[in-house]
Amino acid sequence: MQLAICLLGGFALRVDANHVAVPQHSRRVLAYLALDQIAEPDCDRGVLAERLWPDATADRSRASLRTALWRIRQASPALVHGAGGRVRLGADVRVDVHEFRGNAERMLAAQQDCPRDRAALLARTNDLLPGWDETWLLLAREQLRQMRLHALEVDARKLAERGRYPEAIDVMLAVVAEEPLRESAQAALIEAHLCEGNVVEARRQLRMFTDLLWTELSIRPSPELFGRVGMVAPPPPTPRSVNGHVALRNRRLFPHPSA
């Protein structure tokens, strides 16, 4: 029997390649166990009930957990196992998030090229359980996002070190398109342009990043990044006044000492 849980882009449960519908409370149990399994092989029943039903009493939350587990076992007895007050996901259940993390971990650790892992990370940009507002999902989402971006940045730098500049640029363009304010990604892209000998492209990328960063956050890239392309960081622009309103407001907030 083949069992698979998909969490990227939305929840899906498949048994022997067939989609199986389960209630939302059962989905939450499966999703929590799948993500918790990354750190721990199993979970205490009381902790699980408290995390998933934080507003209910202890008795009520445990009853809700028992109902959810019963509905899961109706779909397949091999999905979850419980013993001694603890519950875990079945050993044979495939989880797309686990595979996704495996792609990233191999790219971060490997010295050789990882074309399949690279393709998987570039193709899979779906969010973790979009639309779910569970508090316990916030950290998992950010960890997964950061791991993916970091793995792609490291991969691009390794490609550039091997002289495969077009591939490195393609990888970093994908990351920058997704996270345009990420300076480490912009720096890797600029570095790849420089390694390829395209100083003009590197400077143009830096100018675009500088304008975007100032527009969005009113900050500048690091001086080191400007120095890498032979440029000097420009001073912050002077605020423009509209019919004197900005200047007037500044005089009101910071009057001249003689006034």
C-alpha atoms as a PDB file:
ATOM      1  CA  MET A   1       0.000   0.000   0.000  1.00  0.00           C
ATOM      2  CA  GLN A   2       1.326   3.416  -0.971  1.00  0.00           C
ATOM      3  CA  LEU A   3       0.539   6.284   1.386  1.00  0.00           C
ATOM      4  CA  ALA A   4       1.382   9.916   0.666  1.00  0.00           C
ATOM      5  CA  ILE A   5       0.636  13.234   2.332  1.00  0.00           C
ATOM      6  CA  CYS A   6       1.053  16.479   0.393  1.00  0.00           C
ATOM      7  CA  LEU A   7       1.363  19.746   2.306  1.00  0.00           C
ATOM      8  CA  LEU A   8       2.912  22.031  -0.318  1.00  0.00           C
ATOM      9  CA  GLY A   9       0.314  24.019  -2.173  1.00  0.00           C
ATOM     10  CA  GLY A  10      -2.532  22.536  -0.128  1.00  0.00           C
ATOM     11  CA  PHE A  11      -3.374  19.394   1.804  1.00  0.00           C
ATOM     12  CA  ALA A  12      -3.863  16.106  -0.012  1.00  0.00           C
ATOM     13  CA  LEU A  13      -3.954  12.512   1.201  1.00  0.00           C
ATOM     14  CA  ARG A  14      -3.405   9.677  -1.255  1.00  0.00           C
ATOM     15  CA  VAL A  15      -3.802   5.959  -0.668  1.00  0.00           C
ATOM     16  CA  ASP A  16      -2.535   3.830  -3.545  1.00  0.00           C
ATOM     17  CA  ALA A  17      -2.492   6.972  -5.717  1.00  0.00           C
ATOM     18  CA  ASN A  18      -6.178   7.619  -4.987  1.00  0.00           C
ATOM     19  CA  HIS A  19      -7.189  10.880  -3.353  1.00  0.00           C
ATOM     20  CA  VAL A  20      -8.866  10.253   0.006  1.00  0.00           C
ATOM     21  CA  ALA A  21     -10.969  12.921   1.707  1.00  0.00           C
ATOM     22  CA  VAL A  22     -10.747  13.284   5.491  1.00  0.00           C
ATOM     23  CA  PRO A  23     -12.304  15.909   7.803  1.00  0.00           C
ATOM     24  CA  GLN A  24     -10.402  19.074   8.588  1.00  0.00           C
ATOM     25  CA  HIS A  25      -9.593  18.032  12.173  1.00  0.00           C
ATOM     26  CA  SER A  26      -8.003  14.838  10.825  1.00  0.00           C
ATOM     27  CA  ARG A  27      -6.051  16.825   8.260  1.00  0.00           C
ATOM     28  CA  ARG A  28      -4.670  19.005  11.038  1.00  0.00           C
ATOM     29  CA  VAL A  29      -3.507  15.940  12.976  1.00  0.00           C
ATOM     30  CA  LEU A  30      -1.780  14.450   9.929  1.00  0.00           C
ATOM     31  CA  ALA A  31      -0.166  17.761   9.012  1.00  0.00           C
ATOM     32  CA  TYR A  32       1.119  18.351  12.545  1.00  0.00           C
ATOM     33  CA  LEU A  33       2.539  14.818  12.846  1.00  0.00           C
ATOM     34  CA  ALA A  34       4.176  15.094   9.425  1.00  0.00           C
ATOM     35  CA  LEU A  35       5.922  18.353  10.317  1.00  0.00           C
ATOM     36  CA  ASP A  36       6.737  17.351  13.884  1.00  0.00           C
ATOM     37  CA  GLN A  37       8.375  14.174  12.589  1.00  0.00           C
ATOM     38  CA  ILE A  38      11.185  16.318  11.187  1.00  0.00           C
ATOM     39  CA  ALA A  39      12.371  16.929  14.765  1.00  0.00           C
ATOM     40  CA  GLU A  40      10.837  14.044  16.748  1.00  0.00           C
ATOM     41  CA  PRO A  41       9.787  10.516  15.691  1.00  0.00           C
ATOM     42  CA  ASP A  42       6.562  10.700  17.694  1.00  0.00           C
ATOM     43  CA  CYS A  43       4.451  13.106  19.730  1.00  0.00           C
ATOM     44  CA  ASP A  44       2.844  13.017  23.162  1.00  0.00           C
ATOM     45  CA  ARG A  45      -0.943  12.740  22.859  1.00  0.00           C
ATOM     46  CA  GLY A  46      -1.568  15.422  25.441  1.00  0.00           C
ATOM     47  CA  VAL A  47       0.778  17.869  23.735  1.00  0.00           C
ATOM     48  CA  LEU A  48      -0.783  17.121  20.357  1.00  0.00           C
ATOM     49  CA  ALA A  49      -4.304  17.695  21.662  1.00  0.00           C
ATOM     50  CA  GLU A  50      -3.281  20.938  23.377  1.00  0.00           C
ATOM     51  CA  ARG A  51      -1.531  22.292  20.292  1.00  0.00           C
ATOM     52  CA  LEU A  52      -4.383  21.533  17.916  1.00  0.00           C
ATOM     53  CA  TRP A  53      -7.253  22.551  20.215  1.00  0.00           C
ATOM     54  CA  PRO A  54      -5.710  25.243  22.444  1.00  0.00           C
ATOM     55  CA  ASP A  55      -9.048  26.860  23.322  1.00  0.00           C
ATOM     56  CA  ALA A  56     -10.727  23.633  24.500  1.00  0.00           C
ATOM     57  CA  THR A  57     -10.542  21.979  27.884  1.00  0.00           C
ATOM     58  CA  ALA A  58      -8.116  19.084  28.316  1.00  0.00           C
ATOM     59  CA  ASP A  59     -10.921  16.511  28.230  1.00  0.00           C
ATOM     60  CA  ARG A  60     -12.520  18.074  25.190  1.00  0.00           C
ATOM     61  CA  SER A  61      -9.270  18.380  23.259  1.00  0.00           C
ATOM     62  CA  ARG A  62      -8.369  14.752  23.957  1.00  0.00           C
ATOM     63  CA  ALA A  63     -11.812  13.657  22.812  1.00  0.00           C
ATOM     64  CA  SER A  64     -11.394  15.642  19.611  1.00  0.00           C
ATOM     65  CA  LEU A  65      -8.021  13.980  19.045  1.00  0.00           C
ATOM     66  CA  ARG A  66      -9.494  10.504  19.519  1.00  0.00           C
ATOM     67  CA  THR A  67     -12.203  11.274  16.969  1.00  0.00           C
ATOM     68  CA  ALA A  68      -9.673  12.643  14.492  1.00  0.00           C
ATOM     69  CA  LEU A  69      -7.425   9.574  14.866  1.00  0.00           C
ATOM     70  CA  TRP A  70     -10.406   7.248  14.398  1.00  0.00           C
ATOM     71  CA  ARG A  71     -11.325   8.997  11.136  1.00  0.00           C
ATOM     72  CA  ILE A  72      -7.718   8.762   9.955  1.00  0.00           C
ATOM     73  CA  ARG A  73      -7.621   5.020  10.628  1.00  0.00           C
ATOM     74  CA  GLN A  74     -10.804   4.636   8.616  1.00  0.00           C
ATOM     75  CA  ALA A  75      -8.851   5.949   5.640  1.00  0.00           C
ATOM     76  CA  SER A  76      -5.950   3.571   6.355  1.00  0.00           C
ATOM     77  CA  PRO A  77      -4.773   1.873   9.568  1.00  0.00           C
ATOM     78  CA  ALA A  78      -1.177   2.364   8.440  1.00  0.00           C
ATOM     79  CA  LEU A  79      -1.334   6.170   8.482  1.00  0.00           C
ATOM     80  CA  VAL A  80      -0.787   6.616  12.229  1.00  0.00           C
ATOM     81  CA  HIS A  81       0.395   4.418  15.067  1.00  0.00           C
ATOM     82  CA  GLY A  82       0.006   4.976  18.792  1.00  0.00           C
ATOM     83  CA  ALA A  83       1.445   3.347  21.887  1.00  0.00           C
ATOM     84  CA  GLY A  84       2.176   4.357  25.463  1.00  0.00           C
ATOM     85  CA  GLY A  85       0.507   7.733  25.261  1.00  0.00           C
ATOM     86  CA  ARG A  86       2.375   8.722  22.117  1.00  0.00           C
ATOM     87  CA  VAL A  87       1.348   8.856  18.465  1.00  0.00           C
ATOM     88  CA  ARG A  88       3.362   8.961  15.260  1.00  0.00           C
ATOM     89  CA  LEU A  89       3.010   8.934  11.527  1.00  0.00           C
ATOM     90  CA  GLY A  90       3.321   5.538   9.862  1.00  0.00           C
ATOM     91  CA  ALA A  91       6.856   4.671   8.762  1.00  0.00           C
ATOM     92  CA  ASP A  92       5.799   4.070   5.157  1.00  0.00           C
ATOM     93  CA  VAL A  93       3.973   7.377   4.689  1.00  0.00           C
ATOM     94  CA  ARG A  94       5.653   9.641   2.156  1.00  0.00           C
ATOM     95  CA  VAL A  95       5.505  13.371   2.867  1.00  0.00           C
ATOM     96  CA  ASP A  96       6.354  15.911   0.186  1.00  0.00           C
ATOM     97  CA  VAL A  97       7.838  18.322   2.740  1.00  0.00           C
ATOM     98  CA  HIS A  98      10.317  15.646   3.880  1.00  0.00           C
ATOM     99  CA  GLU A  99      11.373  15.063   0.279  1.00  0.00           C
ATOM    100  CA  PHE A 100      11.615  18.808  -0.311  1.00  0.00           C
ATOM    101  CA  ARG A 101      13.891  19.238   2.715  1.00  0.00           C
ATOM    102  CA  GLY A 102      15.957  16.307   1.513  1.00  0.00           C
ATOM    103  CA  ASN A 103      16.518  18.095  -1.808  1.00  0.00           C
ATOM    104  CA  ALA A 104      17.749  21.201   0.015  1.00  0.00           C
ATOM    105  CA  GLU A 105      19.941  19.301   2.490  1.00  0.00           C
ATOM    106  CA  ARG A 106      21.700  17.395  -0.289  1.00  0.00           C
ATOM    107  CA  MET A 107      22.385  20.631  -2.161  1.00  0.00           C
ATOM    108  CA  LEU A 108      23.833  22.239   0.965  1.00  0.00           C
ATOM    109  CA  ALA A 109      26.056  19.271   1.825  1.00  0.00           C
ATOM    110  CA  ALA A 110      27.090  17.895  -1.568  1.00  0.00           C
ATOM    111  CA  GLN A 111      30.329  18.781  -3.291  1.00  0.00           C
ATOM    112  CA  GLN A 112      29.163  17.450  -6.643  1.00  0.00           C
ATOM    113  CA  ASP A 113      26.415  18.767  -8.896  1.00  0.00           C
ATOM    114  CA  CYS A 114      22.797  18.057  -7.895  1.00  0.00           C
ATOM    115  CA  PRO A 115      20.704  18.708 -11.027  1.00  0.00           C
ATOM    116  CA  ARG A 116      17.642  16.766  -9.850  1.00  0.00           C
ATOM    117  CA  ASP A 117      17.555  18.457  -6.458  1.00  0.00           C
ATOM    118  CA  ARG A 118      18.057  21.847  -8.100  1.00  0.00           C
ATOM    119  CA  ALA A 119      15.191  21.230 -10.496  1.00  0.00           C
ATOM    120  CA  ALA A 120      12.943  20.126  -7.631  1.00  0.00           C
ATOM    121  CA  LEU A 121      13.630  23.274  -5.594  1.00  0.00           C
ATOM    122  CA  LEU A 122      13.219  25.573  -8.580  1.00  0.00           C
ATOM    123  CA  ALA A 123       9.946  23.917  -9.563  1.00  0.00           C
ATOM    124  CA  ARG A 124       8.400  23.712  -6.094  1.00  0.00           C
ATOM    125  CA  THR A 125       7.587  27.219  -4.938  1.00  0.00           C
ATOM    126  CA  ASN A 126       4.220  26.380  -3.403  1.00  0.00           C
ATOM    127  CA  ASP A 127       3.610  27.592   0.122  1.00  0.00           C
ATOM    128  CA  LEU A 128       3.184  25.238   3.029  1.00  0.00           C
ATOM    129  CA  LEU A 129      -0.558  24.691   3.557  1.00  0.00           C
ATOM    130  CA  PRO A 130      -1.710  28.061   2.171  1.00  0.00           C
ATOM    131  CA  GLY A 131      -4.865  29.380   3.771  1.00  0.00           C
ATOM    132  CA  TRP A 132      -4.237  27.641   7.094  1.00  0.00           C
ATOM    133  CA  ASP A 133      -3.850  30.077   9.990  1.00  0.00           C
ATOM    134  CA  GLU A 134      -2.452  27.650  12.567  1.00  0.00           C
ATOM    135  CA  THR A 135       0.120  29.205  14.893  1.00  0.00           C
ATOM    136  CA  TRP A 136       2.277  26.079  14.823  1.00  0.00           C
ATOM    137  CA  LEU A 137       2.679  26.476  11.049  1.00  0.00           C
ATOM    138  CA  LEU A 138       4.424  29.867  11.164  1.00  0.00           C
ATOM    139  CA  LEU A 139       7.861  28.582  12.157  1.00  0.00           C
ATOM    140  CA  ALA A 140       7.669  25.582   9.804  1.00  0.00           C
ATOM    141  CA  ARG A 141       6.810  27.838   6.866  1.00  0.00           C
ATOM    142  CA  GLU A 142       9.703  30.195   7.533  1.00  0.00           C
ATOM    143  CA  GLN A 143      12.182  27.362   8.086  1.00  0.00           C
ATOM    144  CA  LEU A 144      11.207  25.740   4.798  1.00  0.00           C
ATOM    145  CA  ARG A 145      11.383  29.029   2.903  1.00  0.00           C
ATOM    146  CA  GLN A 146      14.787  29.935   4.302  1.00  0.00           C
ATOM    147  CA  MET A 147      16.195  26.454   3.657  1.00  0.00           C
ATOM    148  CA  ARG A 148      15.090  26.543   0.026  1.00  0.00           C
ATOM    149  CA  LEU A 149      16.483  30.019  -0.635  1.00  0.00           C
ATOM    150  CA  HIS A 150      19.760  29.274   1.136  1.00  0.00           C
ATOM    151  CA  ALA A 151      20.208  25.996  -0.751  1.00  0.00           C
ATOM    152  CA  LEU A 152      19.656  27.716  -4.098  1.00  0.00           C
ATOM    153  CA  GLU A 153      22.099  30.502  -3.227  1.00  0.00           C
ATOM    154  CA  VAL A 154      24.771  27.986  -2.220  1.00  0.00           C
ATOM    155  CA  ASP A 155      24.100  25.978  -5.365  1.00  0.00           C
ATOM    156  CA  ALA A 156      24.451  29.067  -7.567  1.00  0.00           C
ATOM    157  CA  ARG A 157      27.785  29.942  -5.974  1.00  0.00           C
ATOM    158  CA  LYS A 158      29.042  26.389  -6.561  1.00  0.00           C
ATOM    159  CA  LEU A 159      27.947  26.590 -10.195  1.00  0.00           C
ATOM    160  CA  ALA A 160      29.821  29.869 -10.579  1.00  0.00           C
ATOM    161  CA  GLU A 161      32.945  28.343  -9.014  1.00  0.00           C
ATOM    162  CA  ARG A 162      32.797  25.631 -11.689  1.00  0.00           C
ATOM    163  CA  GLY A 163      32.540  28.248 -14.403  1.00  0.00           C
ATOM    164  CA  ARG A 164      28.899  27.469 -15.180  1.00  0.00           C
ATOM    165  CA  TYR A 165      27.871  31.106 -15.059  1.00  0.00           C
ATOM    166  CA  PRO A 166      24.698  30.982 -17.186  1.00  0.00           C
ATOM    167  CA  GLU A 167      23.245  28.258 -14.948  1.00  0.00           C
ATOM    168  CA  ALA A 168      24.241  30.154 -11.807  1.00  0.00           C
ATOM    169  CA  ILE A 169      22.578  33.305 -13.153  1.00  0.00           C
ATOM    170  CA  ASP A 170      19.391  31.397 -14.024  1.00  0.00           C
ATOM    171  CA  VAL A 171      19.169  29.990 -10.485  1.00  0.00           C
ATOM    172  CA  MET A 172      19.682  33.371  -8.843  1.00  0.00           C
ATOM    173  CA  LEU A 173      17.260  35.136 -11.169  1.00  0.00           C
ATOM    174  CA  ALA A 174      14.591  32.709  -9.944  1.00  0.00           C
ATOM    175  CA  VAL A 175      15.447  33.460  -6.303  1.00  0.00           C
ATOM    176  CA  VAL A 176      15.566  37.229  -6.850  1.00  0.00           C
ATOM    177  CA  ALA A 177      12.240  37.137  -8.667  1.00  0.00           C
ATOM    178  CA  GLU A 178      10.721  35.471  -5.594  1.00  0.00           C
ATOM    179  CA  GLU A 179      12.581  37.492  -2.930  1.00  0.00           C
ATOM    180  CA  PRO A 180      13.777  40.738  -4.584  1.00  0.00           C
ATOM    181  CA  LEU A 181      14.781  42.359  -1.259  1.00  0.00           C
ATOM    182  CA  ARG A 182      17.110  39.501  -0.236  1.00  0.00           C
ATOM    183  CA  GLU A 183      20.585  41.037  -0.387  1.00  0.00           C
ATOM    184  CA  SER A 184      22.481  37.728  -0.229  1.00  0.00           C
ATOM    185  CA  ALA A 185      20.609  36.548  -3.330  1.00  0.00           C
ATOM    186  CA  GLN A 186      21.215  39.831  -5.132  1.00  0.00           C
ATOM    187  CA  ALA A 187      24.901  39.625  -4.206  1.00  0.00           C
ATOM    188  CA  ALA A 188      25.176  36.089  -5.604  1.00  0.00           C
ATOM    189  CA  LEU A 189      23.539  37.199  -8.840  1.00  0.00           C
ATOM    190  CA  ILE A 190      25.826  40.223  -9.146  1.00  0.00           C
ATOM    191  CA  GLU A 191      28.851  38.035  -8.413  1.00  0.00           C
ATOM    192  CA  ALA A 192      27.851  35.595 -11.153  1.00  0.00           C
ATOM    193  CA  HIS A 193      27.600  38.485 -13.644  1.00  0.00           C
ATOM    194  CA  LEU A 194      31.059  39.690 -12.611  1.00  0.00           C
ATOM    195  CA  CYS A 195      32.565  36.212 -12.922  1.00  0.00           C
ATOM    196  CA  GLU A 196      31.152  36.001 -16.421  1.00  0.00           C
ATOM    197  CA  GLY A 197      32.805  39.312 -17.222  1.00  0.00           C
ATOM    198  CA  ASN A 198      29.585  41.307 -17.495  1.00  0.00           C
ATOM    199  CA  VAL A 199      30.377  44.319 -15.317  1.00  0.00           C
ATOM    200  CA  VAL A 200      27.623  46.361 -16.947  1.00  0.00           C
ATOM    201  CA  GLU A 201      25.027  43.707 -16.081  1.00  0.00           C
ATOM    202  CA  ALA A 202      26.331  43.571 -12.518  1.00  0.00           C
ATOM    203  CA  ARG A 203      26.062  47.331 -12.116  1.00  0.00           C
ATOM    204  CA  ARG A 204      22.619  47.443 -13.679  1.00  0.00           C
ATOM    205  CA  GLN A 205      21.415  44.742 -11.281  1.00  0.00           C
ATOM    206  CA  LEU A 206      22.852  46.671  -8.340  1.00  0.00           C
ATOM    207  CA  ARG A 207      21.154  49.890  -9.453  1.00  0.00           C
ATOM    208  CA  MET A 208      17.791  48.143  -9.742  1.00  0.00           C
ATOM    209  CA  PHE A 209      18.261  46.579  -6.315  1.00  0.00           C
ATOM    210  CA  THR A 210      19.316  49.921  -4.831  1.00  0.00           C
ATOM    211  CA  ASP A 211      16.230  51.687  -6.180  1.00  0.00           C
ATOM    212  CA  LEU A 212      13.918  48.909  -5.005  1.00  0.00           C
ATOM    213  CA  LEU A 213      15.451  48.728  -1.539  1.00  0.00           C
ATOM    214  CA  TRP A 214      15.176  52.478  -1.085  1.00  0.00           C
ATOM    215  CA  THR A 215      11.597  52.572  -2.363  1.00  0.00           C
ATOM    216  CA  GLU A 216      10.450  49.722  -0.144  1.00  0.00           C
ATOM    217  CA  LEU A 217      12.519  50.136   3.030  1.00  0.00           C
ATOM    218  CA  SER A 218      14.369  53.467   2.740  1.00  0.00           C
ATOM    219  CA  ILE A 219      17.747  51.739   3.196  1.00  0.00           C
ATOM    220  CA  ARG A 220      20.786  51.154   1.001  1.00  0.00           C
ATOM    221  CA  PRO A 221      22.640  47.948   0.126  1.00  0.00           C
ATOM    222  CA  SER A 222      25.890  47.345   1.985  1.00  0.00           C
ATOM    223  CA  PRO A 223      28.931  49.438   0.962  1.00  0.00           C
ATOM    224  CA  GLU A 224      30.772  46.176   0.268  1.00  0.00           C
ATOM    225  CA  LEU A 225      28.310  45.338  -2.493  1.00  0.00           C
ATOM    226  CA  PHE A 226      28.902  48.717  -4.174  1.00  0.00           C
ATOM    227  CA  GLY A 227      32.649  48.239  -3.827  1.00  0.00           C
ATOM    228  CA  ARG A 228      32.480  44.836  -5.469  1.00  0.00           C
ATOM    229  CA  VAL A 229      31.333  46.447  -8.734  1.00  0.00           C
ATOM    230  CA  GLY A 230      33.628  49.477  -8.412  1.00  0.00           C
ATOM    231  CA  MET A 231      30.925  51.886  -7.345  1.00  0.00           C
ATOM    232  CA  VAL A 232      30.531  54.192  -4.355  1.00  0.00           C
ATOM    233  CA  ALA A 233      27.338  54.030  -2.336  1.00  0.00           C
ATOM    234  CA  PRO A 234      25.287  57.149  -3.145  1.00  0.00           C
ATOM    235  CA  PRO A 235      24.013  59.389  -0.351  1.00  0.00           C
ATOM    236  CA  PRO A 236      20.330  59.164   0.582  1.00  0.00           C
ATOM    237  CA  PRO A 237      18.204  61.356  -1.667  1.00  0.00           C
ATOM    238  CA  THR A 238      16.943  64.650  -0.303  1.00  0.00           C
ATOM    239  CA  PRO A 239      13.208  64.547   0.429  1.00  0.00           C
ATOM    240  CA  ARG A 240      11.310  66.381  -2.268  1.00  0.00           C
ATOM    241  CA  SER A 241       8.791  68.987  -1.174  1.00  0.00           C
ATOM    242  CA  VAL A 242       5.354  69.289  -2.715  1.00  0.00           C
ATOM    243  CA  ASN A 243       4.204  72.934  -2.575  1.00  0.00           C
ATOM    244  CA  GLY A 244       6.492  73.370   0.401  1.00  0.00           C
ATOM    245  CA  HIS A 245       4.587  70.889   2.575  1.00  0.00           C
ATOM    246  CA  VAL A 246       7.623  68.785   3.485  1.00  0.00           C
ATOM    247  CA  ALA A 247       9.749  71.810   4.354  1.00  0.00           C
ATOM    248  CA  LEU A 248       6.918  73.349   6.359  1.00  0.00           C
ATOM    249  CA  ARG A 249       6.335  70.121   8.270  1.00  0.00           C
ATOM    250  CA  ASN A 250      10.064  69.862   9.061  1.00  0.00           C
ATOM    251  CA  ARG A 251      10.124  73.447  10.372  1.00  0.00           C
ATOM    252  CA  ARG A 252       7.197  72.641  12.654  1.00  0.00           C
ATOM    253  CA  LEU A 253       8.812  69.466  13.964  1.00  0.00           C
ATOM    254  CA  PHE A 254      12.342  70.915  14.213  1.00  0.00           C
ATOM    255  CA  PRO A 255      12.072  74.714  14.614  1.00  0.00           C
ATOM    256  CA  HIS A 256      15.153  76.871  14.238  1.00  0.00           C
ATOM    257  CA  PRO A 257      16.794  77.616  17.625  1.00  0.00           C
ATOM    258  CA  SER A 258      16.320  81.374  17.127  1.00  0.00           C
ATOM    259  CA  ALA A 259      12.595  81.021  16.489  1.00  0.00           C
END
